[in-house]
N, C-alpha and C. Protein backbone atom coordinates (compact mmCIF):
# COMPACT_ATOMS: atom_id res chain seq x y z
N MET A 1 129.79 58.57 57.02
CA MET A 1 128.51 57.21 57.89
C MET A 1 128.32 58.88 58.47
N GLU A 2 128.81 59.21 59.18
CA GLU A 2 128.44 60.74 59.93
C GLU A 2 127.26 61.29 59.08
N SER A 3 127.08 61.53 58.06
CA SER A 3 125.74 62.29 57.25
C SER A 3 124.82 61.28 57.13
N VAL A 4 124.52 59.98 56.95
CA VAL A 4 124.20 59.15 56.84
C VAL A 4 122.44 58.92 58.87
N TYR A 5 124.32 59.49 59.59
CA TYR A 5 123.34 59.62 60.65
C TYR A 5 122.72 60.86 60.82
N GLU A 6 123.52 61.58 60.55
CA GLU A 6 122.52 63.26 60.66
C GLU A 6 121.40 63.05 59.87
N GLN A 7 121.43 62.78 58.91
CA GLN A 7 119.92 62.01 58.12
C GLN A 7 118.86 61.74 58.79
N PHE A 8 119.22 60.57 59.79
CA PHE A 8 118.47 59.81 60.02
C PHE A 8 118.02 60.75 61.64
N PHE A 9 118.95 61.55 62.42
CA PHE A 9 118.51 62.28 63.42
C PHE A 9 117.26 62.95 62.58
N PHE A 10 117.44 64.11 61.64
CA PHE A 10 117.14 65.18 61.47
C PHE A 10 115.45 64.46 60.76
N LEU A 11 115.59 63.57 60.13
CA LEU A 11 114.06 62.61 59.70
C LEU A 11 113.47 62.45 61.09
N LYS A 12 113.97 61.63 62.65
CA LYS A 12 113.25 61.69 63.68
C LYS A 12 113.16 62.91 64.32
N TYR A 13 114.03 63.54 64.55
CA TYR A 13 113.81 65.41 65.41
C TYR A 13 113.11 65.93 65.01
N ALA A 14 112.84 66.52 63.04
CA ALA A 14 111.57 67.22 62.41
C ALA A 14 110.66 66.87 62.26
N GLY A 15 111.20 65.54 61.72
CA GLY A 15 110.09 64.54 61.31
C GLY A 15 109.51 63.77 61.96
N SER A 16 109.65 63.55 62.75
CA SER A 16 108.78 62.32 63.90
C SER A 16 109.02 60.58 63.23
N TRP A 17 110.08 60.87 62.72
CA TRP A 17 110.71 59.00 61.72
C TRP A 17 111.42 58.42 62.71
N SER A 18 110.85 56.82 62.97
CA SER A 18 111.59 56.02 63.45
C SER A 18 112.86 55.68 62.53
N ILE A 19 114.01 55.87 63.92
CA ILE A 19 115.06 55.27 63.07
C ILE A 19 114.93 54.12 62.38
N LEU A 20 113.87 53.26 62.32
CA LEU A 20 114.21 52.26 61.65
C LEU A 20 113.19 52.11 60.11
N GLU A 21 112.36 53.09 60.25
CA GLU A 21 111.52 53.91 58.86
C GLU A 21 112.87 54.49 57.95
N ALA A 22 113.42 55.58 58.71
CA ALA A 22 114.46 56.13 58.08
C ALA A 22 115.37 55.39 57.49
N TYR A 23 116.30 54.02 58.45
CA TYR A 23 116.72 53.07 57.91
C TYR A 23 116.80 52.70 56.97
N ASN A 24 115.16 52.34 56.44
CA ASN A 24 114.96 50.62 55.32
C ASN A 24 114.15 51.59 54.13
N LEU A 25 114.18 52.58 53.97
CA LEU A 25 113.89 54.05 52.92
C LEU A 25 115.50 53.94 52.03
N PRO A 26 114.82 53.93 50.67
CA PRO A 26 116.20 53.78 49.70
C PRO A 26 116.81 55.17 49.74
N ILE A 27 118.52 55.13 49.31
CA ILE A 27 118.78 55.98 49.49
C ILE A 27 118.26 57.23 49.17
N GLY A 28 118.41 57.02 47.52
CA GLY A 28 117.42 58.30 47.20
C GLY A 28 115.91 58.94 47.58
N LEU A 29 115.65 57.92 48.13
CA LEU A 29 114.17 58.59 48.30
C LEU A 29 114.35 59.52 50.03
N ARG A 30 115.40 58.44 50.81
CA ARG A 30 115.26 59.11 51.68
C ARG A 30 116.42 60.78 51.86
N GLN A 31 117.03 60.61 50.80
CA GLN A 31 117.53 62.06 50.28
C GLN A 31 116.67 63.28 50.31
N TRP A 32 115.59 62.63 48.96
CA TRP A 32 114.62 63.52 48.71
C TRP A 32 113.45 64.36 49.94
N PHE A 33 113.02 63.51 50.88
CA PHE A 33 112.73 63.66 52.46
C PHE A 33 113.56 64.20 52.88
N VAL A 34 114.59 64.80 53.32
CA VAL A 34 115.48 65.17 53.89
C VAL A 34 115.58 66.86 53.18
N ASP A 35 115.23 66.51 51.70
CA ASP A 35 115.88 67.75 51.11
C ASP A 35 114.75 68.60 51.51
N ARG A 36 113.34 68.08 51.16
CA ARG A 36 111.76 68.14 51.51
C ARG A 36 111.63 69.03 52.85
N LEU A 37 112.04 67.98 53.47
CA LEU A 37 111.37 68.38 55.53
C LEU A 37 112.68 69.73 55.21
N VAL A 38 113.67 70.28 54.40
CA VAL A 38 114.67 71.24 54.79
C VAL A 38 113.63 72.79 54.34
N LYS A 39 113.20 72.46 52.93
CA LYS A 39 112.32 73.21 51.94
C LYS A 39 110.90 73.75 53.10
N GLN A 40 110.16 72.51 53.64
CA GLN A 40 109.01 73.04 54.29
C GLN A 40 108.97 73.55 55.81
N LEU A 41 110.31 73.17 56.30
CA LEU A 41 110.97 74.01 57.73
C LEU A 41 111.45 75.32 56.80
N LYS A 42 111.98 76.02 56.01
CA LYS A 42 112.17 76.94 55.90
C LYS A 42 110.99 77.81 55.49
N GLU A 43 110.15 77.46 54.42
CA GLU A 43 108.74 78.43 54.56
C GLU A 43 108.03 78.03 55.47
N GLU A 44 108.03 77.63 56.42
CA GLU A 44 106.92 77.42 57.68
C GLU A 44 108.19 78.93 58.62
N ASN A 45 108.92 78.69 58.70
CA ASN A 45 110.20 79.57 59.55
C ASN A 45 109.67 80.99 58.73
N GLU A 46 109.99 80.89 57.38
CA GLU A 46 109.49 82.62 56.93
C GLU A 46 108.04 83.01 57.19
N ALA A 47 107.36 82.23 56.82
CA ALA A 47 105.84 82.64 57.08
C ALA A 47 105.43 83.28 58.81
N MET A 48 106.20 82.47 59.41
CA MET A 48 106.33 82.91 60.92
C MET A 48 106.94 84.03 60.50
N GLU A 49 107.81 84.59 60.40
CA GLU A 49 108.72 85.41 60.86
C GLU A 49 107.70 86.94 60.08
N ARG A 50 107.22 86.85 58.88
CA ARG A 50 105.95 87.34 58.07
C ARG A 50 105.06 88.02 58.86
N ALA A 51 104.53 86.96 59.52
CA ALA A 51 103.07 86.97 60.51
C ALA A 51 103.63 87.89 61.37
N SER A 52 105.44 87.40 62.23
CA SER A 52 105.36 88.44 63.41
C SER A 52 105.03 89.73 63.09
N LYS A 53 105.83 90.30 61.99
CA LYS A 53 106.17 91.51 61.88
C LYS A 53 104.44 92.03 60.94
N GLY A 54 103.96 91.31 61.24
CA GLY A 54 102.66 91.96 60.58
C GLY A 54 102.84 92.27 58.55
N GLN A 55 103.14 91.27 58.23
CA GLN A 55 103.87 91.56 56.80
C GLN A 55 103.17 90.32 55.74
N SER A 56 102.29 89.15 56.38
CA SER A 56 101.96 88.41 55.71
C SER A 56 100.66 88.24 54.70
N GLY A 57 99.66 90.10 54.49
CA GLY A 57 99.84 90.04 53.15
C GLY A 57 98.51 89.61 53.10
N ASN A 58 98.15 89.03 54.48
CA ASN A 58 96.22 88.17 54.39
C ASN A 58 95.69 88.12 56.10
N THR A 59 95.98 89.44 56.62
CA THR A 59 95.53 89.64 57.41
C THR A 59 94.22 90.72 57.39
N GLN A 60 93.48 90.41 58.63
CA GLN A 60 92.35 90.91 58.16
C GLN A 60 92.09 91.31 59.52
N THR A 61 91.31 92.72 60.14
CA THR A 61 90.76 93.53 61.49
C THR A 61 89.23 93.21 60.99
N LEU A 62 88.67 92.51 62.42
CA LEU A 62 87.35 92.59 62.59
C LEU A 62 86.64 93.82 62.74
N SER A 63 85.75 94.30 61.90
CA SER A 63 84.92 95.23 62.50
C SER A 63 83.14 94.72 62.21
N ALA A 64 82.10 95.44 63.00
CA ALA A 64 80.88 95.33 62.56
C ALA A 64 80.80 95.28 61.42
N HIS A 65 80.95 95.41 59.99
CA HIS A 65 80.79 94.96 58.96
C HIS A 65 81.35 93.55 58.42
N ASN A 66 82.68 93.09 59.42
CA ASN A 66 82.56 91.75 58.57
C ASN A 66 82.88 90.46 59.53
N GLN A 67 82.60 90.53 61.24
CA GLN A 67 82.24 89.40 62.07
C GLN A 67 81.75 88.90 61.64
N PRO A 68 81.72 87.32 62.07
CA PRO A 68 80.95 86.84 61.92
C PRO A 68 79.09 86.86 62.47
N PRO A 69 78.21 86.08 62.64
CA PRO A 69 77.25 87.02 63.21
C PRO A 69 77.12 85.44 64.27
N THR A 70 76.81 86.74 65.81
CA THR A 70 76.84 85.57 66.64
C THR A 70 76.01 84.31 66.73
N PRO A 71 76.22 83.17 66.66
CA PRO A 71 74.56 81.95 67.25
C PRO A 71 73.74 82.62 67.57
N GLN A 72 72.38 82.28 67.34
CA GLN A 72 71.24 82.87 67.98
C GLN A 72 71.22 82.16 69.66
N GLN A 73 71.99 80.79 70.20
CA GLN A 73 71.19 80.73 71.08
C GLN A 73 72.35 82.05 72.01
N PHE A 74 72.93 82.76 71.90
CA PHE A 74 73.85 83.66 72.36
C PHE A 74 73.82 84.44 72.26
N SER A 75 72.99 84.88 71.50
CA SER A 75 72.76 86.86 71.49
C SER A 75 72.22 86.76 72.68
N LYS A 76 71.03 86.18 72.97
CA LYS A 76 70.39 87.39 74.24
C LYS A 76 71.12 87.54 75.72
N LYS A 77 72.36 86.03 75.51
CA LYS A 77 73.32 85.83 76.79
C LYS A 77 74.04 86.85 77.23
N TYR A 78 74.33 87.27 75.47
CA TYR A 78 75.55 88.29 75.96
C TYR A 78 74.99 89.33 75.14
N GLY A 79 73.82 89.98 75.12
CA GLY A 79 73.26 91.43 74.77
C GLY A 79 73.18 91.73 72.78
N GLN A 80 73.66 91.30 72.50
CA GLN A 80 73.77 91.34 70.99
C GLN A 80 72.82 90.52 70.08
N SER A 81 72.24 91.67 69.49
CA SER A 81 71.02 91.13 68.22
C SER A 81 71.47 90.39 67.22
């Protein structure tokens, strides 16, 4: 029974489910959501770790050649042409 409570807690804490929503799910579907939420959180943590180490692979440094254009209404105000 404690493992069921752990699932309820996990869905409530990490997935923002209500206790009633978790309780009313069929067992197999509840287990699928718990497993999928675990997978999602692991993927997000790995992505954050890669990004913090600069290993995300899709970072880009802005330069004069790839920066977005300044909107016209701000060009004169900020001295850009």
